[in-house]
Protein backbone atom coordinates (compact mmCIF):
# COMPACT_ATOMS: atom_id res chain seq x y z
CA MET A 1 -110.86 46.90 34.79
CA ASN A 2 -114.28 46.34 36.39
CA ALA A 3 -115.95 46.33 33.00
CA THR A 4 -113.55 43.64 31.77
CA LYS A 5 -114.32 41.45 34.79
CA ARG A 6 -118.05 41.84 34.26
CA LYS A 7 -117.73 40.77 30.63
CA PHE A 8 -115.66 37.75 31.62
CA ASN A 9 -118.23 36.72 34.26
CA ALA A 10 -121.01 37.13 31.72
CA LEU A 11 -119.21 34.79 29.31
CA LEU A 12 -118.78 32.17 32.06
CA GLN A 13 -122.46 32.36 32.96
CA GLY A 14 -123.40 31.95 29.33
CA LEU A 15 -121.24 28.84 28.98
CA ASN A 16 -122.61 27.26 32.18
CA SER A 17 -126.27 27.98 31.41
CA PRO A 18 -128.13 24.80 30.26
CA ARG A 19 -129.48 24.58 26.71
CA PRO A 20 -132.67 22.76 25.72
CA SER A 21 -131.80 19.52 23.92
CA ASP A 22 -134.53 19.82 21.32
CA GLN A 23 -133.47 23.31 20.21
CA LYS A 24 -131.55 23.40 16.95
CA PRO A 25 -128.61 25.75 16.41
CA THR A 26 -129.83 29.03 15.03
CA LYS A 27 -128.65 30.41 11.70
CA THR A 28 -127.02 33.73 11.07
CA ALA A 29 -130.22 35.28 9.75
CA ASP A 30 -132.16 34.22 12.88
CA ILE A 31 -129.41 35.62 15.10
CA ALA A 32 -129.56 38.96 13.36
CA THR A 33 -133.37 39.06 13.67
CA GLY A 34 -133.30 38.15 17.35
CA ALA A 35 -130.64 40.69 18.13
CA ALA A 36 -132.59 43.40 16.37
CA SER A 37 -135.82 42.62 18.29
CA SER A 38 -134.17 42.25 21.74
CA PRO A 39 -134.28 45.12 24.25
CA LEU A 40 -130.50 45.25 24.17
CA SER A 41 -130.64 46.72 20.71
CA SER A 42 -132.38 49.87 21.93
CA PRO A 43 -130.23 52.99 22.29
CA LEU A 44 -130.97 53.25 26.04
CA SER A 45 -129.70 49.77 26.81
CA GLN A 46 -126.59 50.37 24.77
CA LYS A 47 -125.93 53.55 26.76
CA LYS A 48 -126.40 51.69 30.04
CA ARG A 49 -123.90 49.02 28.98
CA ARG A 50 -121.33 51.66 28.14
CA MET A 51 -121.96 53.39 31.49
CA GLY A 52 -121.18 50.18 33.36
CA VAL A 53 -124.72 48.97 34.19
CA SER A 54 -124.76 45.16 34.50
CA ALA A 55 -126.99 43.45 31.95
CA GLY A 56 -126.98 40.08 33.73
CA GLY A 57 -128.02 37.02 31.77
CA ALA A 58 -129.12 39.03 28.74
CA ALA A 59 -125.57 40.26 28.15
CA ALA A 60 -124.26 36.72 28.50
CA SER A 61 -126.69 35.37 25.93
CA ALA A 62 -125.92 38.23 23.55
CA SER A 63 -122.18 37.62 23.80
CA SER A 64 -122.60 33.88 23.24
CA LEU A 65 -124.79 34.54 20.21
CA SER A 66 -122.24 36.94 18.78
CA LEU A 67 -119.49 34.31 19.15
CA ALA A 68 -121.68 31.72 17.48
CA SER A 69 -122.46 34.06 14.60
CA ILE A 70 -118.77 34.86 14.07
CA SER A 71 -117.80 31.18 14.07
CA SER A 72 -120.61 30.33 11.66
CA LEU A 73 -119.45 33.06 9.28
CA ARG A 74 -115.81 31.97 9.43
CA ARG A 75 -116.57 28.30 8.81
CA PRO A 76 -117.48 28.58 5.08
CA LEU A 77 -114.51 30.87 4.48
CA GLN A 78 -112.08 28.34 5.93
CA THR A 79 -113.55 25.40 4.01
CA PRO A 80 -111.34 24.74 0.95
CA ALA A 81 -112.98 24.61 -2.45
CA PRO A 82 -113.51 21.10 -3.83
CA PRO A 83 -110.94 20.07 -6.43
CA ALA A 84 -111.92 20.17 -10.07
CA SER A 85 -113.36 16.90 -11.22
CA PRO A 86 -111.66 15.20 -14.19
CA PRO A 87 -113.55 15.07 -17.49
CA GLU A 88 -116.31 12.51 -17.50
CA VAL A 89 -115.38 9.33 -19.31
CA ALA A 90 -117.99 6.71 -20.03
CA SER A 91 -117.28 3.40 -18.30
CA ARG A 92 -117.96 1.28 -21.34
CA TYR A 93 -115.79 -0.68 -23.70
CA CYS A 94 -115.79 0.86 -27.16
CA PRO A 95 -112.33 0.76 -28.79
CA GLY A 96 -113.64 2.38 -31.97
CA ASP A 97 -115.08 5.50 -30.30
CA ARG A 98 -112.84 8.44 -31.18
CA GLU A 99 -114.64 10.91 -28.90
CA GLN A 100 -114.09 8.72 -25.84
CA LEU A 101 -110.42 8.35 -26.75
CA LEU A 102 -110.05 12.14 -26.92
CA ARG A 103 -111.78 12.48 -23.54
CA ARG A 104 -109.38 10.02 -21.98
CA LEU A 105 -106.49 11.96 -23.51
CA ALA A 106 -107.89 15.20 -22.09
CA SER A 107 -107.58 13.83 -18.55
CA PHE A 108 -103.76 13.82 -18.95
CA GLN A 109 -103.42 17.46 -20.01
CA GLU A 110 -102.81 18.96 -16.53
CA ILE A 111 -99.06 19.26 -16.00
CA THR A 112 -99.55 19.16 -12.23
CA SER A 113 -101.07 15.69 -12.47
CA TRP A 114 -99.14 14.11 -15.34
CA THR A 115 -95.58 14.91 -16.35
CA PRO A 116 -94.20 14.04 -19.80
CA LYS A 117 -93.19 10.41 -20.27
CA PRO A 118 -91.26 8.53 -22.95
CA ASP A 119 -93.15 7.71 -26.12
CA ARG A 120 -93.73 4.04 -25.25
CA VAL A 121 -95.50 4.94 -21.99
CA SER A 122 -96.96 8.29 -23.02
CA GLU A 123 -100.53 9.30 -22.31
CA VAL A 124 -101.75 8.19 -25.73
CA GLU A 125 -100.64 4.61 -25.04
CA TRP A 126 -102.48 4.59 -21.72
CA ALA A 127 -105.60 6.17 -23.25
CA LYS A 128 -105.70 3.58 -26.04
CA ARG A 129 -106.01 0.87 -23.38
CA GLY A 130 -108.81 2.57 -21.45
CA TRP A 131 -106.75 4.36 -18.77
CA VAL A 132 -107.49 7.89 -17.51
CA CYS A 133 -105.45 10.17 -15.26
CA HIS A 134 -106.93 9.94 -11.75
CA GLY A 135 -104.52 11.95 -9.64
CA LYS A 136 -100.87 12.87 -9.43
CA GLU A 137 -98.97 10.37 -11.59
CA ARG A 138 -101.83 7.92 -11.13
CA VAL A 139 -103.93 6.20 -13.79
CA ARG A 140 -107.21 4.34 -13.47
CA CYS A 141 -109.11 2.05 -15.80
CA ALA A 142 -112.54 3.44 -16.58
CA LEU A 143 -113.98 -0.08 -16.92
CA CYS A 144 -112.40 -2.31 -14.24
CA HIS A 145 -111.40 0.61 -11.91
CA LYS A 146 -107.88 -0.70 -11.41
CA GLU A 147 -105.39 2.01 -10.35
CA LEU A 148 -101.66 2.25 -10.94
CA VAL A 149 -98.95 4.74 -9.99
CA VAL A 150 -96.56 5.68 -12.81
CA LYS A 151 -93.20 7.09 -11.69
CA LEU A 152 -90.02 6.78 -13.71
CA ASN A 153 -87.29 9.14 -12.47
CA ARG A 154 -88.97 10.98 -9.59
CA LYS A 155 -89.05 10.40 -5.85
CA GLU A 156 -90.43 12.14 -2.78
CA GLN A 157 -88.01 14.09 -0.62
CA ASP A 158 -89.25 16.11 2.38
CA GLY A 159 -92.80 15.83 1.08
CA LYS A 160 -91.89 17.12 -2.38
CA GLU A 161 -91.23 15.30 -5.62
CA VAL A 162 -87.79 15.83 -7.11
CA SER A 163 -86.26 14.44 -10.27
CA VAL A 164 -83.60 11.79 -9.93
CA LEU A 165 -80.85 11.01 -12.40
CA VAL A 166 -80.89 7.31 -13.21
CA ALA A 167 -78.81 5.26 -15.58
CA SER A 168 -80.11 4.73 -19.10
CA GLU A 169 -80.30 0.96 -18.55
CA ILE A 170 -82.50 1.43 -15.48
CA GLU A 171 -84.73 3.91 -17.26
CA GLU A 172 -85.15 1.59 -20.25
CA ALA A 173 -86.02 -1.27 -17.90
CA LEU A 174 -88.64 0.89 -16.18
CA VAL A 175 -90.12 1.92 -19.52
CA GLU A 176 -90.25 -1.72 -20.59
CA LYS A 177 -91.97 -2.68 -17.34
CA TYR A 178 -94.59 0.07 -17.56
CA ALA A 179 -95.22 -0.71 -21.23
CA ASP A 180 -96.11 -4.24 -20.14
CA LEU A 181 -98.24 -2.96 -17.24
CA ILE A 182 -100.37 -0.92 -19.66
CA VAL A 183 -101.91 -4.23 -20.75
CA SER A 184 -101.31 -6.61 -17.85
CA SER A 185 -102.50 -4.32 -15.03
CA HIS A 186 -106.15 -4.66 -16.02
CA GLN A 187 -108.41 -7.08 -14.21
CA PRO A 188 -108.51 -10.57 -15.80
CA GLU A 189 -112.08 -10.06 -17.02
CA CYS A 190 -111.49 -6.50 -18.32
CA LEU A 191 -112.04 -6.16 -22.06
CA TRP A 192 -109.34 -3.49 -22.39
CA LYS A 193 -106.82 -6.19 -21.57
CA LYS A 194 -107.77 -8.13 -24.69
CA ARG A 195 -107.87 -5.34 -27.25
CA GLY A 196 -107.20 -1.61 -27.28
CA CYS A 197 -107.86 1.21 -29.72
CA ASP A 198 -106.44 1.11 -33.21
CA ASP A 199 -103.48 3.33 -34.04
CA ALA A 200 -105.41 4.95 -36.91
CA LEU A 201 -108.29 6.05 -34.65
CA LEU A 202 -106.79 9.52 -34.27
CA ARG A 203 -106.82 10.06 -38.04
CA ILE A 204 -108.73 13.15 -39.19
CA PHE A 205 -111.17 12.67 -42.07
CA PHE A 206 -111.60 15.28 -44.80
CA SER A 207 -114.00 13.35 -47.04
CA ASN A 208 -116.91 15.69 -46.28
CA ALA A 209 -115.94 19.01 -47.87
CA SER A 210 -118.73 21.08 -46.30
CA GLY A 211 -118.02 19.72 -42.82
CA THR A 212 -114.30 20.35 -43.27
CA LEU A 213 -114.92 23.97 -44.28
CA GLU A 214 -117.23 24.45 -41.29
CA SER A 215 -114.57 23.12 -38.92
CA LEU A 216 -111.95 25.37 -40.51
CA ARG A 217 -114.23 28.39 -40.14
CA GLN A 218 -114.94 27.50 -36.49
CA ARG A 219 -111.23 27.31 -35.68
CA TYR A 220 -110.64 30.58 -37.52
CA ASP A 221 -113.41 32.40 -35.59
CA GLU A 222 -112.14 31.13 -32.24
CA LEU A 223 -108.65 32.41 -33.02
CA CYS A 224 -109.97 35.75 -34.29
CA SER A 225 -111.68 36.30 -30.93
CA ARG A 226 -108.15 36.20 -29.44
CA GLN A 227 -106.76 38.73 -31.91
CA ALA A 228 -105.11 40.82 -29.19
CA PHE A 229 -102.83 37.90 -28.30
CA LEU A 230 -102.30 36.42 -31.76
CA PRO A 231 -98.72 36.64 -33.04
CA TYR A 232 -98.01 38.62 -36.18
CA GLU A 233 -97.66 36.87 -39.50
CA PHE A 234 -93.90 37.44 -39.51
CA ASN A 235 -93.69 35.69 -36.13
CA LEU A 236 -94.84 32.43 -37.75
CA ARG A 237 -92.57 29.88 -39.42
CA LEU A 238 -94.80 28.06 -41.88
CA PRO A 239 -93.88 25.28 -44.32
CA ASP A 240 -93.26 26.25 -47.93
CA GLU A 241 -96.46 24.48 -49.01
CA ILE A 242 -98.65 26.84 -46.97
CA VAL A 243 -99.06 30.02 -49.04
CA ILE A 244 -101.79 32.17 -47.50
CA ASP A 245 -102.49 34.11 -50.72
CA ARG A 246 -103.07 30.87 -52.61
CA VAL A 247 -105.32 29.51 -49.85
CA LEU A 248 -107.39 32.71 -49.89
CA GLU A 249 -107.96 32.25 -53.63
CA GLN A 250 -108.99 28.61 -53.17
CA LEU A 251 -111.50 29.28 -50.39
CA PRO A 252 -115.15 29.96 -51.31
CA LYS A 253 -116.08 33.59 -51.78
CA ASN A 254 -118.52 33.54 -48.86
CA PHE A 255 -116.19 31.66 -46.51
CA PHE A 256 -115.62 34.66 -44.20
CA THR A 257 -119.17 36.06 -44.46
CA GLN A 258 -121.51 33.04 -44.27
CA PRO A 259 -122.30 32.70 -41.45
CA PRO A 260 -121.46 36.27 -40.44
CA PRO A 261 -118.61 36.62 -37.94
CA ALA A 262 -119.42 37.02 -34.27
CA VAL A 263 -117.64 40.39 -33.99
CA ILE A 264 -119.42 42.90 -36.25
CA THR A 265 -118.32 46.50 -36.65
CA THR A 266 -120.90 49.12 -35.64
CA ALA A 267 -120.17 51.48 -38.53
CA THR A 268 -122.15 50.45 -41.58
CA THR A 269 -120.10 52.47 -44.04
CA THR A 270 -116.77 50.84 -43.22
CA PRO A 271 -115.87 47.97 -45.53
CA ALA A 272 -115.53 44.41 -44.30
CA PRO A 273 -112.20 43.82 -42.57
CA SER A 274 -109.60 41.81 -44.40
CA PRO A 275 -109.07 38.21 -43.28
CA ASN A 276 -106.72 37.62 -40.38
CA ARG A 277 -103.83 35.85 -42.06
CA ALA A 278 -102.19 34.68 -38.83
CA ALA A 279 -105.46 33.19 -37.56
CA LEU A 280 -106.02 31.45 -40.90
CA ALA A 281 -102.50 29.98 -40.85
CA LEU A 282 -102.99 28.60 -37.34
CA ALA A 283 -106.43 27.23 -38.24
CA LEU A 284 -104.98 25.44 -41.27
CA THR A 285 -102.49 23.69 -38.98
CA GLY A 286 -105.12 22.44 -36.51
CA TRP A 287 -105.10 25.12 -33.79
CA GLN A 288 -108.18 26.69 -32.25
CA GLY A 289 -109.23 28.49 -29.07
CA LEU A 290 -109.00 26.91 -25.63
CA SER A 291 -112.07 26.69 -23.40
CA ASN A 292 -112.09 25.73 -19.73
CA ALA A 293 -115.06 24.04 -18.08
CA ARG A 294 -114.94 26.42 -15.09
CA ILE A 295 -113.79 29.77 -16.46
CA GLY A 296 -114.94 29.49 -20.07
CA ALA A 297 -112.84 30.72 -22.99
CA VAL A 298 -109.17 31.37 -22.22
CA PRO A 299 -108.31 34.54 -24.20
CA ASN A 300 -104.53 34.14 -24.51
CA THR A 301 -104.20 30.41 -25.23
CA ALA A 302 -104.80 28.15 -28.21
CA SER A 303 -105.11 24.39 -28.20
CA CYS A 304 -105.24 21.36 -30.46
CA HIS A 305 -108.33 19.29 -29.73
CA THR A 306 -106.68 16.15 -31.10
CA CYS A 307 -103.43 15.94 -29.13
CA GLN A 308 -104.68 18.23 -26.28
CA ARG A 309 -101.62 20.47 -26.64
CA ARG A 310 -101.91 23.98 -25.21
CA LEU A 311 -100.13 26.94 -26.74
CA GLY A 312 -99.53 30.28 -25.00
CA LEU A 313 -99.98 32.83 -27.77
CA TRP A 314 -98.51 35.74 -25.81
CA MET A 315 -95.05 34.14 -25.78
CA PHE A 316 -94.69 34.37 -29.57
CA LYS A 317 -96.05 37.87 -30.28
CA SER A 318 -93.54 40.69 -30.61
CA LYS A 319 -94.02 43.21 -27.83
CA GLU A 320 -93.33 46.37 -29.87
CA VAL A 321 -93.42 46.84 -33.64
CA ASP A 322 -93.08 50.08 -35.60
CA GLU A 323 -95.22 51.16 -38.54
CA ASP A 324 -92.87 49.55 -41.06
CA GLY A 325 -93.12 46.15 -39.37
CA GLN A 326 -89.70 46.29 -37.78
CA ILE A 327 -89.46 44.53 -34.42
CA LEU A 328 -88.49 46.93 -31.65
CA VAL A 329 -88.96 44.64 -28.64
CA PRO A 330 -88.90 40.93 -29.51
CA ALA A 331 -91.14 38.28 -27.99
CA ALA A 332 -90.14 35.79 -25.33
CA MET A 333 -89.82 33.09 -28.00
CA ASP A 334 -88.01 33.64 -31.27
CA HIS A 335 -90.78 32.36 -33.54
CA LEU A 336 -93.78 30.05 -33.62
CA ASP A 337 -93.68 26.85 -35.64
CA PRO A 338 -97.31 25.67 -35.50
CA ILE A 339 -96.47 22.22 -36.89
CA ARG A 340 -93.66 21.49 -34.46
CA GLU A 341 -95.73 22.50 -31.41
CA HIS A 342 -98.09 19.54 -31.86
CA ARG A 343 -97.49 16.36 -29.88
CA PHE A 344 -95.54 13.55 -31.52
CA PHE A 345 -98.64 11.37 -32.00
CA CYS A 346 -100.83 14.13 -33.44
CA PRO A 347 -101.98 13.56 -37.06
CA TRP A 348 -101.35 17.25 -37.78
CA LYS A 349 -97.65 16.47 -37.29
CA ASN A 350 -97.20 12.69 -37.57
CA PRO A 351 -97.82 11.24 -41.08
CA GLN A 352 -98.09 7.70 -39.68
CA ALA A 353 -101.05 8.73 -37.51
CA GLN A 354 -102.78 10.22 -40.58
CA SER A 355 -101.85 7.43 -43.00
CA ARG A 356 -104.68 5.67 -44.81
CA THR A 357 -104.92 1.94 -45.29
CA GLY A 358 -104.40 1.03 -48.93
CA ALA A 359 -102.99 4.42 -49.92
CA SER A 360 -99.79 4.53 -51.92
CA GLY A 361 -97.30 7.17 -52.92
CA ASP A 362 -97.31 10.60 -51.33
CA ASP A 363 -100.85 10.16 -49.96
CA SER A 364 -99.71 7.40 -47.61
CA GLN A 365 -97.21 9.73 -45.86
CA ALA A 366 -99.22 12.96 -45.79
CA THR A 367 -99.99 14.81 -42.57
CA ALA A 368 -103.40 16.28 -41.81
CA TRP A 369 -102.53 19.82 -42.91
CA VAL A 370 -101.20 18.53 -46.27
CA THR A 371 -104.44 16.60 -46.80
CA LEU A 372 -106.45 19.70 -45.90
CA LEU A 373 -104.59 21.84 -48.44
CA GLN A 374 -105.13 19.20 -51.13
CA MET A 375 -108.85 19.08 -50.33
CA LEU A 376 -109.12 22.87 -50.63
CA LYS A 377 -107.31 22.73 -53.98
CA ASN A 378 -109.60 20.01 -55.33
CA GLU A 379 -112.73 21.80 -54.18
CA SER A 380 -111.54 25.03 -55.79
CA SER A 381 -110.94 23.24 -59.11
CA LEU A 382 -114.36 21.60 -59.06
CA ARG A 383 -116.00 24.88 -58.13
CA SER A 384 -114.30 26.74 -60.98
CA ILE A 385 -115.28 24.05 -63.50
CA TYR A 386 -118.89 24.08 -62.33
CA GLU A 387 -119.14 27.85 -62.37
CA GLY A 388 -117.45 28.02 -65.80
CA HIS A 389 -119.90 25.51 -67.32
CA ARG A 390 -122.81 27.33 -65.79
CA LYS A 391 -121.65 30.64 -67.27
CA ARG A 392 -120.82 29.29 -70.76
CA GLY A 393 -123.83 26.98 -71.00
CA PRO A 394 -126.48 29.42 -72.35
CA VAL A 395 -123.99 30.99 -74.82
CA GLU A 396 -122.50 27.89 -76.42
CA ALA A 397 -125.57 25.67 -76.37
CA PRO A 398 -126.86 24.85 -79.90
CA ALA A 399 -130.17 26.29 -81.06
CA ALA A 400 -131.59 22.87 -81.97
CA ALA A 401 -131.03 21.60 -78.48
CA GLU A 402 -132.78 24.66 -77.04
CA LYS A 403 -135.85 24.00 -79.19
CA ALA A 404 -135.93 20.34 -78.31
CA ASN A 405 -135.68 21.06 -74.59
CA THR A 406 -139.16 21.82 -73.28
CA ASN A 407 -138.06 22.49 -69.69
CA PRO A 408 -135.67 25.49 -69.64
CA SER A 409 -134.53 24.72 -66.08
CA THR A 410 -133.21 21.28 -67.05
CA PRO A 411 -129.53 21.39 -68.05
CA GLN A 412 -128.60 20.20 -71.50
CA LYS A 413 -127.31 16.63 -71.70
CA ALA A 414 -124.58 15.44 -74.00
CA ALA A 415 -125.57 13.49 -77.11
CA PRO A 416 -125.72 9.71 -76.54
CA VAL A 417 -122.87 7.62 -77.92
CA ARG A 418 -123.76 5.85 -81.17
CA PRO A 419 -122.03 2.91 -82.84
CA GLU A 420 -121.21 5.03 -85.89
CA PRO A 421 -118.14 7.24 -85.70
CA LEU A 422 -118.97 10.76 -84.63
CA SER A 423 -117.77 13.88 -86.38
CA ASN A 424 -116.90 17.25 -84.94
CA ALA A 425 -119.86 18.87 -86.65
CA SER A 426 -122.48 16.52 -85.12
CA VAL A 427 -121.47 16.93 -81.49
CA LYS A 428 -121.36 20.22 -79.64
CA THR A 429 -120.78 20.54 -75.92
CA THR A 430 -120.01 23.34 -73.55
CA ALA A 431 -116.34 22.36 -73.29
CA PRO A 432 -113.68 24.27 -75.29
CA GLU A 433 -113.11 23.32 -78.94
CA LEU A 434 -109.70 21.77 -78.34
CA ASP A 435 -111.06 19.44 -75.67
CA GLU A 436 -113.98 18.46 -77.92
CA ALA A 437 -111.65 17.64 -80.83
CA ASP A 438 -109.50 15.46 -78.60
CA ARG A 439 -112.59 13.72 -77.26
CA ASN A 440 -113.89 12.98 -80.75
CA ALA A 441 -110.52 11.63 -81.84
CA LYS A 442 -110.45 9.33 -78.84
CA ASP A 443 -114.01 8.19 -79.59
CA LYS A 444 -113.07 7.33 -83.17
CA GLU A 445 -110.04 5.39 -82.03
CA ARG A 446 -112.09 3.55 -79.42
CA TRP A 447 -114.82 2.55 -81.90
CA ALA A 448 -112.21 1.41 -84.41
CA ARG A 449 -110.73 -0.89 -81.80
CA LEU A 450 -114.15 -2.21 -80.86
CA ARG A 451 -114.96 -3.04 -84.51
CA LYS A 452 -111.61 -4.76 -84.90
CA VAL A 453 -112.17 -6.86 -81.79
CA LYS A 454 -115.71 -7.64 -82.86
CA SER A 455 -114.54 -8.82 -86.27
CA LEU A 456 -112.41 -11.50 -84.62
CA PHE A 457 -115.53 -13.18 -83.26
CA ASP A 458 -117.45 -13.14 -86.57
CA THR A 459 -117.56 -16.56 -88.33
CA LYS A 460 -118.16 -17.21 -92.02
CA ALA A 461 -121.71 -18.40 -91.37
CA SER A 462 -122.58 -15.23 -89.45
CA ARG A 463 -121.13 -13.13 -92.28
CA LYS A 464 -123.28 -14.95 -94.86
CA SER A 465 -126.39 -14.51 -92.74
CA LYS A 466 -125.75 -10.78 -92.51
CA ARG A 467 -125.62 -10.37 -96.34
CA PRO A 468 -128.74 -8.82 -97.95
CA VAL A 469 -131.15 -11.34 -99.48
CA THR A 470 -131.40 -11.08 -103.31
CA PRO A 471 -134.45 -12.11 -105.44
CA GLN A 472 -132.47 -14.98 -107.03
CA SER A 473 -131.60 -16.47 -103.70
CA THR A 474 -135.27 -16.14 -102.72
CA LYS A 475 -136.40 -18.10 -105.77
CA ALA A 476 -133.80 -20.74 -105.16
CA ALA A 477 -134.89 -21.13 -101.62
CA THR A 478 -138.60 -21.52 -102.61
CA PRO A 479 -139.57 -25.20 -102.48
CA PRO A 480 -140.97 -26.69 -105.71
CA LYS A 481 -144.72 -27.21 -106.10
CA TYR A 482 -146.10 -30.63 -106.89
């Protein structure tokens, strides 16, 4: 009891003792150093304190320092971590910049900040007009900094948001109002109010074959790094047009080896692993790995970088499968349809978003994965033709052409087209004989038509001038001598 009173009196004396005004509050490291160098830290003084010897002002200062050190250590632990900043979006007006449009779309991907909306007021419509998600159900213009709260059928009740059932007429009126606010809510001088992004800006281009193959390989590698969570091939529901065996034949031979994959087996004698068919199927339909700015790669999730859709892979993989491929314990979801999981505005799913201006027929209504398969087919055909010509060239080339060609590295060129009709014996190419015969027949027919058309423009005078000059006509034309 006496010891408790002495400690309490020491604390009161420490609180009442004056502090110099120019002295700054000491840090935790300085407190520890001072406590270690003070005489109270010696074993003898500690024994005296336990025996009940009064330490006076020194004990009071030590207790006050210990309280200050504890409070300074607790302060950073109690401070909440700053919220994650939204993705940086440039505050400039560029309606034709696809990367900026995708960044604005990425700001809407958090379900805690933006809940799904009807198609007319979805996130893609806001992003096309320069809006970004700037809080819970709140959008902000990146150029004029105007903010707007978007709430359709939700209200706050006891500090929490709950869904409210409203009539269809009221909901349609709200959608109509917000669709108008997408444009009219900008400042009068804001350029996003005058013109937004084009609907075809999300279209994926496959004109560059090498770049398309590199992107496909990148998506495939990112999915292969998540092999433990990838669903099995029988868990996928693919369209009839996607046949993995056919795609493997159409891909280049070094597609899976150049560049070498990131995960390399340590054993040198083991053969190269077979391609991951499930990862290839998902990569063909636009899926790749998900990466977070704070935690890095997310191992169990895939994403589409166009529509910003996230896909939990673990929900579609069967939990237990026997050696014969029979499902013992099914997955949480029945199957995975990689096309259906895209957002409604994604070009991998929506043919209107992938449509090309001026295209007609099936090409005008083709999704991105259909266009990708057609590109792979065309590249495979061109590659086979080129490799076939290169293999047959030295064997079927004529000997005369080899003698005439001084540079052996220069490929042989086809004979130039002459006005006279060409025969099969005078022209030899590296194509098959049937194709060459058809080509010669077409050449003969073409030259016959040209001669017939040319004869229509020949007059009688031009025909007479083209006749060979005889000696009699020469004598007749010679003027007489006087």
